[in-house]
């Protein structure tokens, strides 16, 4: 039966939902917009044919931005606060650490204002997350943190700080555009290579003081996960997930309205193939991903993880045309995905390494649950337009949504077969992989690997 493919290629369900999400406006974790987006997603899943569509609420640390500034000499440079930065100001000697690799922090930074890039060099063997750079700066004694975009275009990047145990960070943190960062580096830190870091990929000098000021408010708030089911009621289930929230400065089209639109499109397609499903498929669209994977962490703590066959997490699925997936060392996951690619003679890229920075991760780490992080290939490092004001709908294409939905629908059907066996891993095996790949130390620094 192939009628469902034609229906998916002509469907408007996912794309219409994406348009509805970006038109909500601010979908910041714990806010009214996030709640509205969750309700829209609940209703869209129900309209697609899923049952028991509902919201599951949980408490989060709310955060609202005010005005922020960098004062350098007699100038004021544009910046934006990073979510969960503390409110306050700090003055210190300005130090540009270039890429902000772990070894760049091995120096006296007491009382300094530290600037790092949002990327890492091509030769480096792993991505160093913003929060790791922030807490390395905190540990080294920095009084403030400046996060410089590596993408040109006068776009300041956002992204949260904070840890699971201390959701508000330790020192003021702001994002600046590549151009503002270049100006600060030129004024205070000498010549650079023009690509986001010094000529050698790092910076070793300093000269002059700057002040970083952040105004913000933090109050208790409520977030929510969206749940719905399709297929038979069984003891085992496949989770198909995304996150509804987005940063408050943009539409959040790529990150991650697109992922939630994909989940809605999958629900629409799977409803047409429900007779083929042999285990339950649970859709979960999380809240508060952007502030420390709060929604998925909340769900993973309460779920019987032994009952979860696999997680298919959609986050970044429309940034490029070719889907890609982290498979976290689960060879059986890679085999199933390879079978889908071969069946449709359509490329799907895979990465067997650990990818600990989206909503699949609490399930992998806590229970060794086999999980895909499904994104897409862009040919570039980093988030591109993501986490900036430029994350808007006009940069995405509906054909990519429909093509991806065909592939992922088939993937979910295969995962939901009773005879599909996906070998699990122990927590010890996952941690050992994190150690081998260089992730473990950074995750411990950010409080994400106790």
Protein backbone atom coordinates (compact mmCIF):
# COMPACT_ATOMS: atom_id res chain seq x y z
CA UNK A 1 0.00 0.00 0.00
CA UNK A 2 1.49 3.30 -1.12
CA UNK A 3 -1.52 5.63 -1.02
CA UNK A 4 -0.23 7.12 2.22
CA UNK A 5 2.86 8.41 0.37
CA UNK A 6 0.75 10.41 -2.07
CA UNK A 7 -1.37 11.69 0.80
CA UNK A 8 1.75 12.82 2.68
CA UNK A 9 3.14 14.61 -0.38
CA UNK A 10 -0.09 16.58 -0.71
CA UNK A 11 -0.78 17.05 2.99
CA UNK A 12 -0.92 20.50 4.56
CA UNK A 13 -1.23 19.23 8.14
CA UNK A 14 2.39 19.68 9.25
CA UNK A 15 3.14 22.86 7.34
CA UNK A 16 -0.09 24.52 8.47
CA UNK A 17 0.82 23.67 12.04
CA UNK A 18 4.28 25.16 11.56
CA UNK A 19 2.67 28.38 10.33
CA UNK A 20 0.39 28.41 13.37
CA UNK A 21 3.34 27.93 15.75
CA UNK A 22 5.46 30.74 14.34
CA UNK A 23 2.45 33.06 14.40
CA UNK A 24 2.06 32.53 18.15
CA UNK A 25 5.09 34.75 18.71
CA UNK A 26 7.10 34.30 21.90
CA UNK A 27 7.17 30.59 22.89
CA UNK A 28 9.68 30.97 25.73
CA UNK A 29 9.62 28.18 28.32
CA UNK A 30 6.99 28.76 30.99
CA UNK A 31 5.28 31.61 29.13
CA UNK A 32 1.78 32.13 27.76
CA UNK A 33 3.01 31.61 24.18
CA UNK A 34 4.47 28.22 25.00
CA UNK A 35 1.13 27.24 26.55
CA UNK A 36 -0.79 28.41 23.47
CA UNK A 37 1.57 26.47 21.19
CA UNK A 38 1.14 23.33 23.31
CA UNK A 39 -2.64 23.62 23.09
CA UNK A 40 -2.45 24.08 19.31
CA UNK A 41 -0.24 20.99 19.10
CA UNK A 42 -2.59 18.93 21.27
CA UNK A 43 -5.51 19.87 18.99
CA UNK A 44 -3.51 19.18 15.82
CA UNK A 45 -2.55 15.69 17.03
CA UNK A 46 -6.17 14.98 17.88
CA UNK A 47 -7.31 16.22 14.46
CA UNK A 48 -4.72 13.95 12.83
CA UNK A 49 -6.36 10.92 14.43
CA UNK A 50 -4.32 10.40 17.60
CA UNK A 51 -6.22 9.59 20.78
CA UNK A 52 -5.99 10.82 24.36
CA UNK A 53 -4.34 14.09 23.34
CA UNK A 54 -3.63 16.04 26.52
CA UNK A 55 -1.20 18.29 28.37
CA UNK A 56 0.94 17.22 31.33
CA UNK A 57 2.05 20.22 33.39
CA UNK A 58 5.20 20.69 35.45
CA UNK A 59 6.93 23.54 37.25
CA UNK A 60 9.92 25.40 35.82
CA UNK A 61 12.05 28.40 36.67
CA UNK A 62 10.54 31.27 34.69
CA UNK A 63 12.84 33.93 33.22
CA UNK A 64 12.01 37.19 31.46
CA UNK A 65 14.59 39.37 29.76
CA UNK A 66 14.98 43.09 30.27
CA UNK A 67 17.60 45.45 28.84
CA UNK A 68 21.25 44.47 28.58
CA UNK A 69 24.38 46.33 27.52
CA UNK A 70 28.12 46.10 27.11
CA UNK A 71 29.87 49.37 27.95
CA UNK A 72 33.30 49.59 26.39
CA UNK A 73 35.18 52.85 26.86
CA UNK A 74 32.72 55.63 26.06
CA UNK A 75 30.57 53.34 23.84
CA UNK A 76 27.65 51.01 24.42
CA UNK A 77 27.67 47.82 22.33
CA UNK A 78 24.54 45.88 21.39
CA UNK A 79 23.96 42.56 23.12
CA UNK A 80 21.16 40.33 24.44
CA UNK A 81 20.99 38.45 27.71
CA UNK A 82 21.34 34.68 27.64
CA UNK A 83 18.28 33.07 29.27
CA UNK A 84 18.78 32.26 32.94
CA UNK A 85 21.62 34.72 33.24
CA UNK A 86 21.48 36.35 36.66
CA UNK A 87 20.52 40.00 36.81
CA UNK A 88 23.34 42.41 37.61
CA UNK A 89 26.49 43.98 36.25
CA UNK A 90 30.17 43.08 36.23
CA UNK A 91 33.25 44.99 35.18
CA UNK A 92 36.55 43.39 34.31
CA UNK A 93 39.48 43.12 31.99
CA UNK A 94 38.27 41.91 28.60
CA UNK A 95 39.73 38.60 27.38
CA UNK A 96 38.91 37.04 24.00
CA UNK A 97 39.36 33.26 24.26
CA UNK A 98 38.61 32.67 20.58
CA UNK A 99 36.86 29.34 20.17
CA UNK A 100 36.69 28.73 23.90
CA UNK A 101 38.08 25.19 23.74
CA UNK A 102 38.66 23.47 27.10
CA UNK A 103 42.39 24.19 27.05
CA UNK A 104 41.76 27.91 26.44
CA UNK A 105 40.51 28.26 30.01
CA UNK A 106 43.75 26.98 31.55
CA UNK A 107 44.92 30.43 32.63
CA UNK A 108 44.20 33.08 35.23
CA UNK A 109 40.79 34.57 34.37
CA UNK A 110 39.89 35.86 37.83
CA UNK A 111 37.64 38.91 37.52
CA UNK A 112 37.79 39.05 33.72
CA UNK A 113 35.04 39.43 31.14
CA UNK A 114 35.49 36.40 28.86
CA UNK A 115 34.36 36.23 25.22
CA UNK A 116 34.12 32.95 23.29
CA UNK A 117 32.86 31.92 19.85
CA UNK A 118 29.66 29.96 19.24
CA UNK A 119 31.56 27.37 17.19
CA UNK A 120 34.67 25.20 17.31
CA UNK A 121 37.33 24.76 14.60
CA UNK A 122 36.94 22.09 11.94
CA UNK A 123 39.89 20.15 13.31
CA UNK A 124 38.32 19.75 16.74
CA UNK A 125 36.81 16.32 17.37
CA UNK A 126 33.60 17.37 19.12
CA UNK A 127 31.21 20.28 19.49
CA UNK A 128 31.75 22.24 22.72
CA UNK A 129 28.37 23.40 23.95
CA UNK A 130 27.71 26.97 25.08
CA UNK A 131 26.91 25.90 28.63
CA UNK A 132 30.20 24.03 28.92
CA UNK A 133 32.08 27.15 27.84
CA UNK A 134 30.08 29.24 30.31
CA UNK A 135 30.83 27.00 33.30
CA UNK A 136 34.47 26.66 32.38
CA UNK A 137 34.61 30.45 32.48
CA UNK A 138 32.81 30.48 35.85
CA UNK A 139 35.22 27.89 37.26
CA UNK A 140 38.16 29.96 36.04
CA UNK A 141 36.87 32.98 37.96
CA UNK A 142 35.38 35.10 35.16
CA UNK A 143 33.03 37.88 36.26
CA UNK A 144 30.96 37.88 33.04
CA UNK A 145 30.51 35.82 29.87
CA UNK A 146 30.16 37.10 26.29
CA UNK A 147 28.98 34.60 23.65
CA UNK A 148 29.97 35.68 20.14
CA UNK A 149 28.13 34.44 17.06
CA UNK A 150 30.40 32.91 14.42
CA UNK A 151 27.81 33.61 11.69
CA UNK A 152 27.94 37.04 10.06
CA UNK A 153 24.85 39.24 9.79
CA UNK A 154 24.66 41.40 12.94
CA UNK A 155 22.79 38.61 14.77
CA UNK A 156 23.38 38.15 18.49
CA UNK A 157 22.95 34.51 19.57
CA UNK A 158 20.87 33.35 22.49
CA UNK A 159 20.88 30.11 24.49
CA UNK A 160 20.41 29.32 28.15
CA UNK A 161 22.83 28.91 31.02
CA UNK A 162 22.06 27.32 34.40
CA UNK A 163 22.30 23.74 35.67
CA UNK A 164 19.69 21.20 36.78
CA UNK A 165 20.37 22.04 40.42
CA UNK A 166 20.87 25.79 39.96
CA UNK A 167 18.74 27.01 37.04
CA UNK A 168 19.98 30.60 37.31
CA UNK A 169 23.61 31.01 36.26
CA UNK A 170 26.49 32.35 38.33
CA UNK A 171 27.66 35.41 36.37
CA UNK A 172 26.01 37.78 33.85
CA UNK A 173 25.92 36.27 30.36
CA UNK A 174 25.16 37.95 27.04
CA UNK A 175 25.26 37.16 23.34
CA UNK A 176 26.83 39.47 20.76
CA UNK A 177 26.93 39.43 16.98
CA UNK A 178 30.04 38.41 15.09
CA UNK A 179 30.53 42.04 14.16
CA UNK A 180 30.30 43.38 17.73
CA UNK A 181 32.65 40.63 18.86
CA UNK A 182 35.14 41.60 16.17
CA UNK A 183 34.98 45.21 17.29
CA UNK A 184 35.57 44.33 20.93
CA UNK A 185 38.45 42.03 20.02
CA UNK A 186 40.04 44.72 17.84
CA UNK A 187 39.75 47.37 20.52
CA UNK A 188 40.91 45.28 23.43
CA UNK A 189 42.67 42.20 22.16
CA UNK A 190 44.63 42.78 18.98
CA UNK A 191 44.30 41.39 15.46
CA UNK A 192 42.22 38.37 14.58
CA UNK A 193 41.80 36.22 11.50
CA UNK A 194 38.28 37.42 10.69
CA UNK A 195 36.61 34.02 11.04
CA UNK A 196 35.42 34.14 14.61
CA UNK A 197 38.67 33.49 16.40
CA UNK A 198 42.31 34.50 16.43
CA UNK A 199 44.62 33.41 13.65
CA UNK A 200 45.62 30.38 15.71
CA UNK A 201 42.01 29.69 16.78
CA UNK A 202 42.43 31.22 20.23
CA UNK A 203 43.40 34.47 21.85
CA UNK A 204 46.06 35.23 24.41
CA UNK A 205 45.98 38.94 25.14
CA UNK A 206 43.82 41.43 26.97
CA UNK A 207 43.69 45.13 27.40
CA UNK A 208 41.14 47.40 29.02
CA UNK A 209 38.00 46.94 31.04
CA UNK A 210 34.42 46.53 29.88
CA UNK A 211 31.16 46.39 31.81
CA UNK A 212 28.43 43.82 31.17
CA UNK A 213 24.97 44.61 32.53
CA UNK A 214 21.95 42.32 32.45
CA UNK A 215 18.43 43.14 33.59
CA UNK A 216 15.99 40.25 33.92
CA UNK A 217 13.32 38.78 36.16
CA UNK A 218 12.84 35.21 37.33
CA UNK A 219 9.66 33.84 38.87
CA UNK A 220 8.10 30.37 39.24
CA UNK A 221 6.28 29.25 36.08
CA UNK A 222 4.43 26.30 34.57
CA UNK A 223 5.36 24.44 31.41
CA UNK A 224 3.75 21.39 29.82
CA UNK A 225 4.34 18.36 27.62
CA UNK A 226 1.85 17.36 24.94
CA UNK A 227 0.93 13.66 24.77
CA UNK A 228 -1.11 11.61 22.29
CA UNK A 229 -1.29 7.96 21.24
CA UNK A 230 -1.87 5.96 18.09
CA UNK A 231 -1.90 2.24 17.36
CA UNK A 232 -2.85 -0.68 19.61
CA UNK A 233 -2.57 -0.58 23.39
CA UNK A 234 0.51 -2.63 24.22
CA UNK A 235 3.07 -2.87 27.01
CA UNK A 236 5.77 -1.57 24.64
CA UNK A 237 5.77 1.79 22.89
CA UNK A 238 7.79 3.88 20.46
CA UNK A 239 8.17 7.54 21.41
CA UNK A 240 8.02 10.15 18.62
CA UNK A 241 9.09 13.48 20.06
CA UNK A 242 9.96 17.14 19.52
CA UNK A 243 9.91 20.32 21.58
CA UNK A 244 7.31 23.07 21.37
CA UNK A 245 9.17 25.91 23.08
CA UNK A 246 11.50 28.36 21.35
CA UNK A 247 13.65 31.29 22.34
CA UNK A 248 11.78 34.54 22.80
CA UNK A 249 13.73 36.58 20.23
CA UNK A 250 12.47 34.84 17.05
CA UNK A 251 9.75 32.75 15.42
CA UNK A 252 11.54 29.53 16.31
CA UNK A 253 10.72 28.05 12.91
CA UNK A 254 13.77 25.80 12.59
CA UNK A 255 14.25 25.32 16.32
CA UNK A 256 11.91 23.74 16.80
CA UNK A 257 8.61 24.55 15.20
CA UNK A 258 9.74 22.34 12.33
CA UNK A 259 10.25 19.34 14.61
CA UNK A 260 6.78 19.68 16.10
CA UNK A 261 5.29 20.15 12.62
CA UNK A 262 7.03 16.91 11.64
CA UNK A 263 5.44 15.10 14.59
CA UNK A 264 2.00 16.33 13.49
CA UNK A 265 2.67 15.20 9.91
CA UNK A 266 3.80 11.80 11.19
CA UNK A 267 0.62 11.47 13.23
CA UNK A 268 -1.36 12.25 10.09
CA UNK A 269 0.51 9.62 8.05
CA UNK A 270 0.54 6.98 10.78
CA UNK A 271 -3.22 7.32 11.19
CA UNK A 272 -3.50 6.05 7.62
CA UNK A 273 -1.23 3.10 8.48
CA UNK A 274 -2.57 2.38 11.95
CA UNK A 275 -3.51 -1.20 11.04
CA UNK A 276 0.21 -1.87 10.41
CA UNK A 277 1.30 -0.71 13.87
CA UNK A 278 1.92 -3.61 16.23
CA UNK A 279 2.94 -1.60 19.27
CA UNK A 280 1.79 1.72 20.71
CA UNK A 281 3.23 4.90 19.26
CA UNK A 282 3.29 7.77 21.75
CA UNK A 283 3.75 11.32 20.55
CA UNK A 284 5.35 13.65 23.11
CA UNK A 285 6.02 17.29 22.28
CA UNK A 286 8.03 18.66 25.17
CA UNK A 287 8.06 22.01 26.85
CA UNK A 288 11.15 23.80 28.17
CA UNK A 289 13.77 22.07 26.04
CA UNK A 290 15.69 25.30 25.56
CA UNK A 291 16.29 25.71 29.29
CA UNK A 292 17.97 22.42 30.10
CA UNK A 293 15.75 19.65 28.61
CA UNK A 294 13.28 20.17 31.44
CA UNK A 295 10.22 18.65 29.77
CA UNK A 296 11.94 15.48 28.60
CA UNK A 297 13.76 15.13 31.90
CA UNK A 298 10.44 15.37 33.74
CA UNK A 299 8.89 12.71 31.50
CA UNK A 300 11.86 10.34 31.61
CA UNK A 301 11.87 10.39 35.41
CA UNK A 302 8.23 9.26 35.49
CA UNK A 303 8.13 6.77 32.63
CA UNK A 304 8.83 3.03 32.77
CA UNK A 305 11.85 3.23 30.47
CA UNK A 306 11.99 -0.55 30.09
CA UNK A 307 8.75 -0.30 28.11
CA UNK A 308 10.19 2.11 25.52
CA UNK A 309 11.42 0.33 22.39
CA UNK A 310 12.99 3.44 20.88
CA UNK A 311 12.79 7.23 20.73
CA UNK A 312 12.59 9.17 17.46
CA UNK A 313 13.35 12.77 18.44
CA UNK A 314 12.84 15.45 15.77
CA UNK A 315 14.93 18.56 16.40
CA UNK A 316 16.45 20.44 13.46
CA UNK A 317 14.75 18.36 10.76
CA UNK A 318 14.20 21.12 8.16
CA UNK A 319 17.49 22.97 8.19
CA UNK A 320 18.58 20.92 5.17
CA UNK A 321 16.98 18.52 2.69
CA UNK A 322 18.82 15.34 3.73
CA UNK A 323 17.86 13.91 7.10
CA UNK A 324 20.63 12.97 9.50
CA UNK A 325 20.48 11.06 12.75
CA UNK A 326 22.67 10.50 15.77
CA UNK A 327 22.34 6.82 16.72
CA UNK A 328 24.38 6.90 19.96
CA UNK A 329 26.17 3.63 19.36
CA UNK A 330 22.97 1.60 18.92
CA UNK A 331 23.87 -0.54 15.92
CA UNK A 332 20.33 -1.88 15.56
CA UNK A 333 18.98 1.66 15.18
CA UNK A 334 21.44 2.34 12.39
CA UNK A 335 20.42 -0.90 10.66
CA UNK A 336 16.70 -0.03 10.73
CA UNK A 337 17.35 3.46 9.39
CA UNK A 338 19.64 2.10 6.68
CA UNK A 339 16.86 -0.27 5.65
CA UNK A 340 14.46 2.68 5.24
CA UNK A 341 17.00 4.61 3.16
CA UNK A 342 17.57 1.60 0.91
CA UNK A 343 13.83 0.91 0.56
CA UNK A 344 13.18 4.42 -0.75
CA UNK A 345 16.57 4.81 -2.46
CA UNK A 346 16.84 8.08 -0.56
CA UNK A 347 19.87 9.32 1.41
CA UNK A 348 19.77 9.50 5.20
CA UNK A 349 23.00 10.37 6.99
CA UNK A 350 23.88 8.72 10.30
CA UNK A 351 26.35 9.47 13.06
CA UNK A 352 27.07 6.66 15.56
CA UNK A 353 28.51 9.02 18.19
CA UNK A 354 26.80 10.43 21.27
CA UNK A 355 24.66 13.55 20.83
CA UNK A 356 23.73 14.71 24.34
CA UNK A 357 21.98 17.99 23.54
CA UNK A 358 18.31 17.37 22.78
CA UNK A 359 15.22 15.72 24.26
CA UNK A 360 16.15 12.12 23.49
CA UNK A 361 19.09 12.36 25.88
CA UNK A 362 17.37 11.90 29.27
CA UNK A 363 16.04 8.55 28.02
CA UNK A 364 19.42 7.42 26.72
CA UNK A 365 21.32 8.38 29.85
CA UNK A 366 18.78 7.25 32.45
CA UNK A 367 17.70 3.98 30.91
CA UNK A 368 19.93 3.10 27.98
CA UNK A 369 16.90 3.62 25.74
CA UNK A 370 17.78 3.36 22.02
CA UNK A 371 17.19 6.80 20.55
CA UNK A 372 17.60 8.76 17.36
CA UNK A 373 18.20 12.49 17.31
CA UNK A 374 16.86 13.27 13.85
CA UNK A 375 18.09 16.55 12.35
CA UNK A 376 19.29 17.37 8.82
CA UNK A 377 22.51 18.05 6.99
CA UNK A 378 23.49 21.66 6.33
CA UNK A 379 27.16 21.35 5.42
CA UNK A 380 28.08 23.81 8.17
CA UNK A 381 28.96 23.57 11.83
CA UNK A 382 26.66 25.01 14.45
CA UNK A 383 23.06 26.21 14.39
CA UNK A 384 23.20 28.57 11.41
CA UNK A 385 20.25 30.93 11.82
CA UNK A 386 19.09 29.05 14.91
CA UNK A 387 19.04 30.81 18.29
CA UNK A 388 18.98 34.20 16.53
CA UNK A 389 16.28 36.61 15.33
CA UNK A 390 16.75 35.13 11.85
CA UNK A 391 15.16 31.76 12.74
CA UNK A 392 12.11 32.46 10.59
CA UNK A 393 9.70 30.46 8.45
CA UNK A 394 10.85 31.89 5.10
CA UNK A 395 14.08 29.87 5.32
CA UNK A 396 12.30 26.49 5.33
CA UNK A 397 10.71 24.46 2.53
CA UNK A 398 7.52 22.42 2.67
CA UNK A 399 8.97 19.78 0.31
CA UNK A 400 11.62 18.94 2.92
CA UNK A 401 8.90 18.39 5.51
CA UNK A 402 6.96 16.07 3.23
CA UNK A 403 9.99 14.06 2.08
CA UNK A 404 11.20 13.69 5.65
CA UNK A 405 7.75 12.66 6.83
CA UNK A 406 7.62 9.79 4.31
CA UNK A 407 10.96 8.43 5.51
CA UNK A 408 10.20 8.84 9.22
CA UNK A 409 6.73 7.35 8.91
CA UNK A 410 8.25 4.18 7.48
CA UNK A 411 10.90 4.24 10.21
CA UNK A 412 8.28 4.39 12.97
CA UNK A 413 6.22 1.58 11.41
CA UNK A 414 9.30 -0.64 11.33
CA UNK A 415 10.23 0.22 14.92
CA UNK A 416 6.67 -0.60 16.00
CA UNK A 417 6.79 -4.17 14.71
CA UNK A 418 6.63 -6.86 17.38
CA UNK A 419 9.63 -8.65 15.90
CA UNK A 420 11.85 -5.54 15.87
CA UNK A 421 14.52 -6.01 18.51
CA UNK A 422 16.73 -3.08 19.40
CA UNK A 423 19.49 -4.02 21.83
CA UNK A 424 19.80 -1.66 24.77
CA UNK A 425 22.92 -0.36 26.47
CA UNK A 426 23.71 -0.02 30.15
CA UNK A 427 24.36 3.34 31.75
CA UNK A 428 27.97 2.23 32.19
CA UNK A 429 28.28 1.66 28.43
CA UNK A 430 26.80 5.08 27.66
CA UNK A 431 29.12 6.82 30.12
CA UNK A 432 32.11 4.93 28.71
CA UNK A 433 31.18 6.18 25.22
CA UNK A 434 30.92 9.73 26.55
CA UNK A 435 34.39 9.36 28.03
CA UNK A 436 35.87 8.01 24.78
CA UNK A 437 34.34 10.80 22.74
CA UNK A 438 35.39 13.59 25.10
CA UNK A 439 31.89 14.59 26.26
CA UNK A 440 31.97 13.39 29.85
CA UNK A 441 34.06 16.13 31.45
CA UNK A 442 31.96 18.88 29.87
CA UNK A 443 28.69 17.24 30.94
CA UNK A 444 29.98 16.97 34.49
CA UNK A 445 30.93 20.64 34.46
CA UNK A 446 27.39 21.59 33.42
CA UNK A 447 25.79 19.25 35.97
CA UNK A 448 24.29 16.98 33.31
CA UNK A 449 26.33 13.89 34.21
CA UNK A 450 26.30 13.40 38.00
